[in-house]
C-alpha atoms as a PDB file:
ATOM      1  CA  MET A   1     -48.402  61.279  -6.181  1.00  0.00           C
ATOM      2  CA  TRP A   2     -45.375  60.746  -3.961  1.00  0.00           C
ATOM      3  CA  SER A   3     -46.463  63.451  -1.537  1.00  0.00           C
ATOM      4  CA  GLN A   4     -49.887  61.825  -1.245  1.00  0.00           C
ATOM      5  CA  LEU A   5     -48.235  58.472  -0.539  1.00  0.00           C
ATOM      6  CA  ALA A   6     -46.100  60.046   2.168  1.00  0.00           C
ATOM      7  CA  VAL A   7     -49.136  61.701   3.744  1.00  0.00           C
ATOM      8  CA  SER A   8     -51.033  58.403   3.699  1.00  0.00           C
ATOM      9  CA  LEU A   9     -48.129  56.619   5.365  1.00  0.00           C
ATOM     10  CA  GLN A  10     -47.921  59.288   8.050  1.00  0.00           C
ATOM     11  CA  SER A  11     -51.635  59.015   8.670  1.00  0.00           C
ATOM     12  CA  GLY A  12     -51.232  55.265   9.306  1.00  0.00           C
ATOM     13  CA  ASN A  13     -52.988  53.687   6.316  1.00  0.00           C
ATOM     14  CA  THR A  14     -53.218  49.979   7.126  1.00  0.00           C
ATOM     15  CA  TYR A  15     -53.290  48.867   3.515  1.00  0.00           C
ATOM     16  CA  LEU A  16     -50.116  50.752   2.677  1.00  0.00           C
ATOM     17  CA  TYR A  17     -48.260  49.185   5.598  1.00  0.00           C
ATOM     18  CA  LEU A  18     -49.463  45.740   4.553  1.00  0.00           C
ATOM     19  CA  ILE A  19     -48.279  46.357   0.989  1.00  0.00           C
ATOM     20  CA  LEU A  20     -44.907  47.541   2.285  1.00  0.00           C
ATOM     21  CA  PHE A  21     -44.566  44.419   4.429  1.00  0.00           C
ATOM     22  CA  LEU A  22     -45.266  42.128   1.476  1.00  0.00           C
ATOM     23  CA  GLY A  23     -42.972  44.248  -0.661  1.00  0.00           C
ATOM     24  CA  PHE A  24     -40.174  43.751   1.864  1.00  0.00           C
ATOM     25  CA  ILE A  25     -40.655  39.964   1.645  1.00  0.00           C
ATOM     26  CA  GLY A  26     -40.582  40.094  -2.158  1.00  0.00           C
ATOM     27  CA  THR A  27     -37.461  42.267  -2.155  1.00  0.00           C
ATOM     28  CA  VAL A  28     -35.659  39.784   0.105  1.00  0.00           C
ATOM     29  CA  ILE A  29     -36.600  36.935  -2.255  1.00  0.00           C
ATOM     30  CA  VAL A  30     -35.383  38.848  -5.314  1.00  0.00           C
ATOM     31  CA  PHE A  31     -31.993  39.730  -3.818  1.00  0.00           C
ATOM     32  CA  GLU A  32     -31.520  36.274  -2.310  1.00  0.00           C
ATOM     33  CA  ARG A  33     -32.181  34.614  -5.671  1.00  0.00           C
ATOM     34  CA  LEU A  34     -29.877  37.041  -7.478  1.00  0.00           C
ATOM     35  CA  ILE A  35     -27.038  36.248  -5.084  1.00  0.00           C
ATOM     36  CA  MET A  36     -27.588  32.489  -5.383  1.00  0.00           C
ATOM     37  CA  LEU A  37     -27.856  32.456  -9.184  1.00  0.00           C
ATOM     38  CA  GLN A  38     -25.130  34.979  -9.965  1.00  0.00           C
ATOM     39  CA  VAL A  39     -22.615  34.247  -7.194  1.00  0.00           C
ATOM     40  CA  VAL A  40     -23.131  30.897  -5.461  1.00  0.00           C
ATOM     41  CA  TYR A  41     -24.304  28.643  -8.306  1.00  0.00           C
ATOM     42  CA  SER A  42     -22.580  30.425 -11.177  1.00  0.00           C
ATOM     43  CA  LEU A  43     -19.041  29.603 -12.364  1.00  0.00           C
ATOM     44  CA  ASP A  44     -17.007  29.307 -15.542  1.00  0.00           C
ATOM     45  CA  PHE A  45     -18.480  25.988 -16.691  1.00  0.00           C
ATOM     46  CA  LYS A  46     -16.266  25.716 -19.779  1.00  0.00           C
ATOM     47  CA  LYS A  47     -13.027  26.193 -17.846  1.00  0.00           C
ATOM     48  CA  PHE A  48     -14.145  23.834 -15.080  1.00  0.00           C
ATOM     49  CA  LEU A  49     -15.112  21.058 -17.519  1.00  0.00           C
ATOM     50  CA  ASN A  50     -11.867  21.409 -19.478  1.00  0.00           C
ATOM     51  CA  ASN A  51      -9.748  21.125 -16.333  1.00  0.00           C
ATOM     52  CA  LEU A  52     -11.796  18.189 -15.102  1.00  0.00           C
ATOM     53  CA  ARG A  53     -11.570  16.418 -18.480  1.00  0.00           C
ATOM     54  CA  ARG A  54      -7.776  16.743 -18.569  1.00  0.00           C
ATOM     55  CA  SER A  55      -7.438  15.384 -15.047  1.00  0.00           C
ATOM     56  CA  VAL A  56      -9.735  12.412 -15.652  1.00  0.00           C
ATOM     57  CA  GLN A  57      -8.113  11.532 -18.965  1.00  0.00           C
ATOM     58  CA  ALA A  58      -4.735  11.627 -17.225  1.00  0.00           C
ATOM     59  CA  GLU A  59      -6.211   9.329 -14.517  1.00  0.00           C
ATOM     60  CA  ASP A  60      -5.338  11.878 -11.846  1.00  0.00           C
ATOM     61  CA  ILE A  61      -8.424  11.479  -9.673  1.00  0.00           C
ATOM     62  CA  GLU A  62      -6.944  13.366  -6.706  1.00  0.00           C
ATOM     63  CA  ARG A  63      -6.370  16.450  -8.830  1.00  0.00           C
ATOM     64  CA  ALA A  64      -9.913  16.176 -10.226  1.00  0.00           C
ATOM     65  CA  VAL A  65     -11.311  16.042  -6.685  1.00  0.00           C
ATOM     66  CA  SER A  66      -9.304  19.111  -5.693  1.00  0.00           C
ATOM     67  CA  ILE A  67     -10.571  20.982  -8.758  1.00  0.00           C
ATOM     68  CA  CYS A  68     -14.168  20.246  -7.729  1.00  0.00           C
ATOM     69  CA  LYS A  69     -13.591  21.337  -4.142  1.00  0.00           C
ATOM     70  CA  ASN A  70     -11.836  24.549  -5.133  1.00  0.00           C
ATOM     71  CA  ALA A  71     -14.500  25.524  -7.676  1.00  0.00           C
ATOM     72  CA  SER A  72     -17.629  25.388  -5.506  1.00  0.00           C
ATOM     73  CA  TYR A  73     -19.486  23.289  -2.963  1.00  0.00           C
ATOM     74  CA  THR A  74     -22.699  23.471  -4.988  1.00  0.00           C
ATOM     75  CA  SER A  75     -23.839  23.303  -8.586  1.00  0.00           C
ATOM     76  CA  LEU A  76     -21.882  21.190 -11.095  1.00  0.00           C
ATOM     77  CA  PRO A  77     -18.695  20.818  -8.965  1.00  0.00           C
ATOM     78  CA  ALA A  78     -20.728  19.142  -6.205  1.00  0.00           C
ATOM     79  CA  ILE A  79     -22.252  16.739  -8.749  1.00  0.00           C
ATOM     80  CA  SER A  80     -18.795  16.024 -10.166  1.00  0.00           C
ATOM     81  CA  LEU A  81     -17.369  15.376  -6.717  1.00  0.00           C
ATOM     82  CA  LYS A  82     -20.050  12.807  -5.942  1.00  0.00           C
ATOM     83  CA  ALA A  83     -19.454  11.147  -9.314  1.00  0.00           C
ATOM     84  CA  LEU A  84     -15.703  10.915  -8.691  1.00  0.00           C
ATOM     85  CA  GLU A  85     -16.266   9.405  -5.261  1.00  0.00           C
ATOM     86  CA  ALA A  86     -18.652   6.866  -6.788  1.00  0.00           C
ATOM     87  CA  LYS A  87     -16.075   6.053  -9.485  1.00  0.00           C
ATOM     88  CA  GLU A  88     -13.490   5.212  -6.838  1.00  0.00           C
ATOM     89  CA  ARG A  89     -15.919   2.955  -4.956  1.00  0.00           C
ATOM     90  CA  ASP A  90     -17.760   1.281  -7.820  1.00  0.00           C
ATOM     91  CA  PRO A  91     -17.477   2.441 -11.457  1.00  0.00           C
ATOM     92  CA  ALA A  92     -20.870   0.904 -12.209  1.00  0.00           C
ATOM     93  CA  SER A  93     -22.586   3.325  -9.792  1.00  0.00           C
ATOM     94  CA  VAL A  94     -21.298   6.536 -11.402  1.00  0.00           C
ATOM     95  CA  ARG A  95     -24.325   7.083 -13.612  1.00  0.00           C
ATOM     96  CA  GLY A  96     -26.728   6.596 -10.703  1.00  0.00           C
ATOM     97  CA  ALA A  97     -24.772   9.019  -8.504  1.00  0.00           C
ATOM     98  CA  ILE A  98     -24.857  11.691 -11.227  1.00  0.00           C
ATOM     99  CA  GLU A  99     -28.599  11.297 -11.682  1.00  0.00           C
ATOM    100  CA  GLU A 100     -29.287  11.466  -7.935  1.00  0.00           C
ATOM    101  CA  GLU A 101     -27.229  14.617  -7.422  1.00  0.00           C
ATOM    102  CA  SER A 102     -28.718  16.286 -10.494  1.00  0.00           C
ATOM    103  CA  ILE A 103     -32.281  15.576  -9.355  1.00  0.00           C
ATOM    104  CA  ASP A 104     -31.417  16.949  -5.919  1.00  0.00           C
ATOM    105  CA  PHE A 105     -29.769  20.144  -7.204  1.00  0.00           C
ATOM    106  CA  LEU A 106     -31.869  21.281 -10.179  1.00  0.00           C
ATOM    107  CA  PRO A 107     -35.005  22.220  -8.145  1.00  0.00           C
ATOM    108  CA  LYS A 108     -32.842  24.518  -6.004  1.00  0.00           C
ATOM    109  CA  ILE A 109     -32.210  26.764  -9.009  1.00  0.00           C
ATOM    110  CA  GLU A 110     -35.858  27.839  -9.325  1.00  0.00           C
ATOM    111  CA  ALA A 111     -36.671  27.761  -5.614  1.00  0.00           C
ATOM    112  CA  ARG A 112     -38.916  30.641  -4.426  1.00  0.00           C
ATOM    113  CA  ILE A 113     -38.961  32.272  -7.877  1.00  0.00           C
ATOM    114  CA  GLY A 114     -42.546  31.151  -8.444  1.00  0.00           C
ATOM    115  CA  ILE A 115     -43.646  33.058  -5.329  1.00  0.00           C
ATOM    116  CA  LEU A 116     -43.087  36.446  -6.977  1.00  0.00           C
ATOM    117  CA  PRO A 117     -46.063  36.386  -9.434  1.00  0.00           C
ATOM    118  CA  ALA A 118     -48.435  35.297  -6.663  1.00  0.00           C
ATOM    119  CA  LEU A 119     -47.005  37.945  -4.344  1.00  0.00           C
ATOM    120  CA  SER A 120     -47.390  40.699  -6.943  1.00  0.00           C
ATOM    121  CA  THR A 121     -50.998  39.677  -7.590  1.00  0.00           C
ATOM    122  CA  LEU A 122     -51.747  39.678  -3.861  1.00  0.00           C
ATOM    123  CA  ILE A 123     -50.209  43.137  -3.452  1.00  0.00           C
ATOM    124  CA  LEU A 124     -52.274  44.510  -6.343  1.00  0.00           C
ATOM    125  CA  LEU A 125     -55.489  43.070  -4.925  1.00  0.00           C
ATOM    126  CA  ILE A 126     -54.747  44.535  -1.504  1.00  0.00           C
ATOM    127  CA  GLY A 127     -54.226  47.943  -3.131  1.00  0.00           C
ATOM    128  CA  ILE A 128     -57.562  47.713  -4.940  1.00  0.00           C
ATOM    129  CA  LEU A 129     -59.252  46.692  -1.715  1.00  0.00           C
ATOM    130  CA  GLY A 130     -57.702  49.686   0.045  1.00  0.00           C
ATOM    131  CA  THR A 131     -59.021  51.991  -2.675  1.00  0.00           C
ATOM    132  CA  ILE A 132     -62.552  50.616  -2.357  1.00  0.00           C
ATOM    133  CA  ASP A 133     -62.412  50.979   1.413  1.00  0.00           C
ATOM    134  CA  GLY A 134     -61.183  54.581   1.065  1.00  0.00           C
ATOM    135  CA  LEU A 135     -63.976  55.463  -1.348  1.00  0.00           C
ATOM    136  CA  TRP A 136     -66.606  54.041   0.969  1.00  0.00           C
ATOM    137  CA  ALA A 137     -65.179  56.006   3.877  1.00  0.00           C
ATOM    138  CA  ALA A 138     -65.120  59.203   1.793  1.00  0.00           C
ATOM    139  CA  PHE A 139     -68.756  58.897   0.678  1.00  0.00           C
ATOM    140  CA  ASP A 140     -69.949  57.987   4.161  1.00  0.00           C
ATOM    141  CA  SER A 141     -68.260  60.981   5.748  1.00  0.00           C
ATOM    142  CA  ILE A 142     -69.900  63.619   3.530  1.00  0.00           C
ATOM    143  CA  GLU A 143     -73.468  62.803   4.518  1.00  0.00           C
ATOM    144  CA  ILE A 144     -73.318  64.830   7.737  1.00  0.00           C
ATOM    145  CA  LEU A 145     -71.322  67.754   6.324  1.00  0.00           C
ATOM    146  CA  ASP A 146     -72.359  70.998   4.731  1.00  0.00           C
ATOM    147  CA  THR A 147     -72.290  71.538   0.997  1.00  0.00           C
ATOM    148  CA  THR A 148     -69.076  73.575   1.052  1.00  0.00           C
ATOM    149  CA  GLU A 149     -67.257  71.010   3.142  1.00  0.00           C
ATOM    150  CA  LYS A 150     -68.566  68.036   1.137  1.00  0.00           C
ATOM    151  CA  GLN A 151     -66.586  68.919  -1.974  1.00  0.00           C
ATOM    152  CA  VAL A 152     -63.344  69.363  -0.070  1.00  0.00           C
ATOM    153  CA  ARG A 153     -63.771  66.196   1.965  1.00  0.00           C
ATOM    154  CA  LEU A 154     -64.841  64.157  -1.065  1.00  0.00           C
ATOM    155  CA  SER A 155     -61.896  65.301  -3.189  1.00  0.00           C
ATOM    156  CA  ASN A 156     -59.422  64.582  -0.382  1.00  0.00           C
ATOM    157  CA  GLY A 157     -61.019  61.193   0.284  1.00  0.00           C
ATOM    158  CA  ILE A 158     -60.861  60.122  -3.371  1.00  0.00           C
ATOM    159  CA  ALA A 159     -57.239  61.283  -3.698  1.00  0.00           C
ATOM    160  CA  SER A 160     -56.149  59.400  -0.557  1.00  0.00           C
ATOM    161  CA  SER A 161     -58.104  56.265  -1.537  1.00  0.00           C
ATOM    162  CA  LEU A 162     -56.049  55.936  -4.727  1.00  0.00           C
ATOM    163  CA  ASN A 163     -52.778  55.652  -2.792  1.00  0.00           C
ATOM    164  CA  PRO A 164     -53.068  51.901  -1.992  1.00  0.00           C
ATOM    165  CA  THR A 165     -53.735  51.063  -5.638  1.00  0.00           C
ATOM    166  CA  THR A 166     -50.802  53.231  -6.721  1.00  0.00           C
ATOM    167  CA  MET A 167     -48.467  51.534  -4.272  1.00  0.00           C
ATOM    168  CA  GLY A 168     -49.802  48.109  -5.253  1.00  0.00           C
ATOM    169  CA  LEU A 169     -49.234  48.783  -8.953  1.00  0.00           C
ATOM    170  CA  LEU A 170     -45.676  49.954  -8.358  1.00  0.00           C
ATOM    171  CA  MET A 171     -44.791  46.911  -6.249  1.00  0.00           C
ATOM    172  CA  SER A 172     -46.489  44.548  -8.665  1.00  0.00           C
ATOM    173  CA  MET A 173     -44.557  45.888 -11.667  1.00  0.00           C
ATOM    174  CA  ILE A 174     -41.260  45.656  -9.799  1.00  0.00           C
ATOM    175  CA  PHE A 175     -41.815  42.048  -8.724  1.00  0.00           C
ATOM    176  CA  LEU A 176     -43.072  40.931 -12.130  1.00  0.00           C
ATOM    177  CA  THR A 177     -39.966  42.417 -13.726  1.00  0.00           C
ATOM    178  CA  GLY A 178     -37.782  40.746 -11.116  1.00  0.00           C
ATOM    179  CA  HIS A 179     -39.538  37.452 -11.759  1.00  0.00           C
ATOM    180  CA  GLN A 180     -38.797  37.605 -15.494  1.00  0.00           C
ATOM    181  CA  VAL A 181     -35.130  38.454 -14.873  1.00  0.00           C
ATOM    182  CA  LEU A 182     -34.708  35.658 -12.327  1.00  0.00           C
ATOM    183  CA  ARG A 183     -36.555  33.222 -14.571  1.00  0.00           C
ATOM    184  CA  GLY A 184     -34.171  33.931 -17.433  1.00  0.00           C
ATOM    185  CA  LEU A 185     -31.115  33.498 -15.200  1.00  0.00           C
ATOM    186  CA  ALA A 186     -32.483  30.239 -13.810  1.00  0.00           C
ATOM    187  CA  LEU A 187     -33.198  28.811 -17.265  1.00  0.00           C
ATOM    188  CA  ARG A 188     -29.723  29.688 -18.503  1.00  0.00           C
ATOM    189  CA  LEU A 189     -28.107  28.129 -15.443  1.00  0.00           C
ATOM    190  CA  THR A 190     -30.252  25.010 -15.823  1.00  0.00           C
ATOM    191  CA  GLU A 191     -29.137  24.598 -19.437  1.00  0.00           C
ATOM    192  CA  ARG A 192     -25.484  24.918 -18.398  1.00  0.00           C
ATOM    193  CA  VAL A 193     -25.902  22.337 -15.652  1.00  0.00           C
ATOM    194  CA  HIS A 194     -27.621  19.939 -18.071  1.00  0.00           C
ATOM    195  CA  TYR A 195     -24.745  20.340 -20.507  1.00  0.00           C
ATOM    196  CA  GLY A 196     -22.194  19.798 -17.748  1.00  0.00           C
ATOM    197  CA  VAL A 197     -24.004  16.687 -16.538  1.00  0.00           C
ATOM    198  CA  SER A 198     -24.006  15.209 -20.054  1.00  0.00           C
ATOM    199  CA  VAL A 199     -20.271  15.897 -20.416  1.00  0.00           C
ATOM    200  CA  LEU A 200     -19.623  14.428 -16.981  1.00  0.00           C
ATOM    201  CA  THR A 201     -21.624  11.300 -17.788  1.00  0.00           C
ATOM    202  CA  ASN A 202     -19.772  10.719 -21.051  1.00  0.00           C
ATOM    203  CA  LEU A 203     -16.465  11.306 -19.284  1.00  0.00           C
ATOM    204  CA  LEU A 204     -16.900   9.139 -16.194  1.00  0.00           C
ATOM    205  CA  ALA A 205     -19.535   6.634 -17.311  1.00  0.00           C
ATOM    206  CA  PRO A 206     -19.318   6.140 -21.089  1.00  0.00           C
ATOM    207  CA  ALA A 207     -21.978   4.007 -22.669  1.00  0.00           C
ATOM    208  CA  GLU A 208     -20.953   0.404 -23.309  1.00  0.00           C
ATOM    209  CA  PHE A 209     -22.057  -1.080 -26.627  1.00  0.00           C
ATOM    210  CA  SER A 210     -22.585  -4.823 -26.440  1.00  0.00           C
ATOM    211  CA  THR A 211     -21.729  -6.838 -29.550  1.00  0.00           C
ATOM    212  CA  TYR A 212     -24.139  -9.503 -30.606  1.00  0.00           C
ATOM    213  CA  VAL A 213     -24.765 -11.779 -33.572  1.00  0.00           C
ATOM    214  CA  PRO A 214     -28.074 -11.186 -35.349  1.00  0.00           C
ATOM    215  CA  ALA A 215     -30.566 -13.964 -35.099  1.00  0.00           C
ATOM    216  CA  GLY A 216     -30.940 -14.072 -38.870  1.00  0.00           C
ATOM    217  CA  ALA A 217     -27.251 -14.761 -39.321  1.00  0.00           C
ATOM    218  CA  VAL A 218     -27.338 -17.577 -36.745  1.00  0.00           C
ATOM    219  CA  SER A 219     -30.366 -19.184 -38.324  1.00  0.00           C
ATOM    220  CA  SER A 220     -28.888 -18.885 -41.801  1.00  0.00           C
ATOM    221  CA  GLY A 221     -25.547 -20.270 -40.629  1.00  0.00           C
ATOM    222  CA  GLY A 222     -27.055 -23.066 -38.568  1.00  0.00           C
ATOM    223  CA  GLY A 223     -29.523 -24.075 -41.239  1.00  0.00           C
ATOM    224  CA  HIS A 224     -26.970 -24.325 -44.040  1.00  0.00           C
ATOM    225  CA  GLY A 225     -26.937 -28.097 -43.978  1.00  0.00           C
ATOM    226  CA  SER A 226     -30.691 -28.332 -43.870  1.00  0.00           C
ATOM    227  CA  GLY A 227     -30.957 -25.854 -46.737  1.00  0.00           C
ATOM    228  CA  SER A 228     -28.563 -27.948 -48.840  1.00  0.00           C
ATOM    229  CA  SER A 229     -30.400 -31.151 -47.972  1.00  0.00           C
ATOM    230  CA  ALA A 230     -33.668 -29.480 -48.914  1.00  0.00           C
ATOM    231  CA  ALA A 231     -32.114 -28.308 -52.140  1.00  0.00           C
ATOM    232  CA  ALA A 232     -30.815 -31.820 -52.760  1.00  0.00           C
ATOM    233  CA  SER A 233     -34.176 -33.354 -52.045  1.00  0.00           C
ATOM    234  CA  GLU A 234     -36.017 -31.040 -54.439  1.00  0.00           C
ATOM    235  CA  PRO A 235     -34.471 -32.528 -57.566  1.00  0.00           C
ATOM    236  CA  ARG A 236     -35.322 -36.009 -56.307  1.00  0.00           C
ATOM    237  CA  ARG A 237     -38.900 -34.931 -55.845  1.00  0.00           C
ATOM    238  CA  ASP A 238     -38.901 -33.662 -59.394  1.00  0.00           C
ATOM    239  CA  VAL A 239     -37.414 -36.921 -60.658  1.00  0.00           C
ATOM    240  CA  HIS A 240     -40.121 -38.968 -58.931  1.00  0.00           C
ATOM    241  CA  ALA A 241     -42.746 -36.649 -60.309  1.00  0.00           C
ATOM    242  CA  ASP A 242     -41.364 -37.058 -63.822  1.00  0.00           C
ATOM    243  CA  THR A 243     -41.270 -40.833 -63.581  1.00  0.00           C
ATOM    244  CA  LYS A 244     -44.803 -40.799 -62.220  1.00  0.00           C
ATOM    245  CA  ILE A 245     -45.933 -38.729 -65.138  1.00  0.00           C
ATOM    246  CA  GLU A 246     -44.124 -41.057 -67.514  1.00  0.00           C
ATOM    247  CA  VAL A 247     -45.778 -44.125 -65.965  1.00  0.00           C
ATOM    248  CA  GLU A 248     -49.134 -42.493 -66.249  1.00  0.00           C
ATOM    249  CA  ASP A 249     -48.430 -41.713 -69.880  1.00  0.00           C
ATOM    250  CA  ASP A 250     -47.417 -45.354 -70.567  1.00  0.00           C
ATOM    251  CA  SER A 251     -50.577 -46.727 -68.980  1.00  0.00           C
ATOM    252  CA  PHE A 252     -52.602 -44.267 -70.983  1.00  0.00           C
ATOM    253  CA  ASP A 253     -50.978 -45.435 -74.206  1.00  0.00           C
ATOM    254  CA  ASP A 254     -51.696 -49.130 -73.444  1.00  0.00           C
ATOM    255  CA  SER A 255     -55.362 -48.523 -72.752  1.00  0.00           C
ATOM    256  CA  SER A 256     -55.755 -46.485 -75.898  1.00  0.00           C
ATOM    257  CA  VAL A 257     -54.191 -49.250 -78.004  1.00  0.00           C
ATOM    258  CA  GLU A 258     -56.521 -51.911 -76.544  1.00  0.00           C
ATOM    259  CA  ASP A 259     -59.564 -49.750 -77.295  1.00  0.00           C
ATOM    260  CA  ILE A 260     -58.505 -49.406 -80.904  1.00  0.00           C
ATOM    261  CA  LYS A 261     -58.114 -53.181 -81.242  1.00  0.00           C
ATOM    262  CA  ASP A 262     -61.619 -53.800 -79.837  1.00  0.00           C
ATOM    263  CA  GLU A 263     -63.083 -51.324 -82.260  1.00  0.00           C
ATOM    264  CA  GLU A 264     -61.409 -53.106 -85.186  1.00  0.00           C
ATOM    265  CA  GLU A 265     -62.820 -56.502 -84.135  1.00  0.00           C
ATOM    266  CA  ILE A 266     -66.312 -55.081 -83.936  1.00  0.00           C
ATOM    267  CA  ILE A 267     -66.019 -53.658 -87.396  1.00  0.00           C
END
């Protein structure tokens, strides 16, 4: 297989050179992302946050700024530096500064990683296209040849036409593997940055809990007098109702007595 690939490259196969060119671009992206994720953006987050927490709790802002500058000019130290500068200017703007820097930095972690699957697919399709082109050329060339030469030419043509697909498959597998590795590194770094941002927000811009009196308590407290007056008025209402009932009962008794007297006179 490798000797056939070398022969195809020496013969100047256009599809192989195109695959190699795209493979060079993909290799540059893979190594560039590895350097950025493992060297530039990566640091000991736990140690950095502990040092920063001690400095902020001791109200030594200058030392906290120097810790951020010495750690890195990107990633979480850059976000922390902006937050410290905002704290010195206006403590109320710390949370907004952290959010702005986080939104600006997080997309940089996964930059150009999504190109690798598309690039591997394109390389594979170019290899298949090169194979189809090689097969067509092999079958077209045997029409004018003798029977003895047809078999040799056809076998050589089919073998050489498989080289672009072989190269495309190799490049595609390499870039897909690189994409999965870079994706895992990016996700882990994103989780660390999210954790660091939450710690930084709680450290420099703690949430303020406002105390308030519930509306039910106010209404119950304010309506105490009215409730007592209502309670005082209820017995009065009952007293009037009782007297009314008693009056009605008295009138009923008088009318019944008069009716009895009339009945006696008639008899």
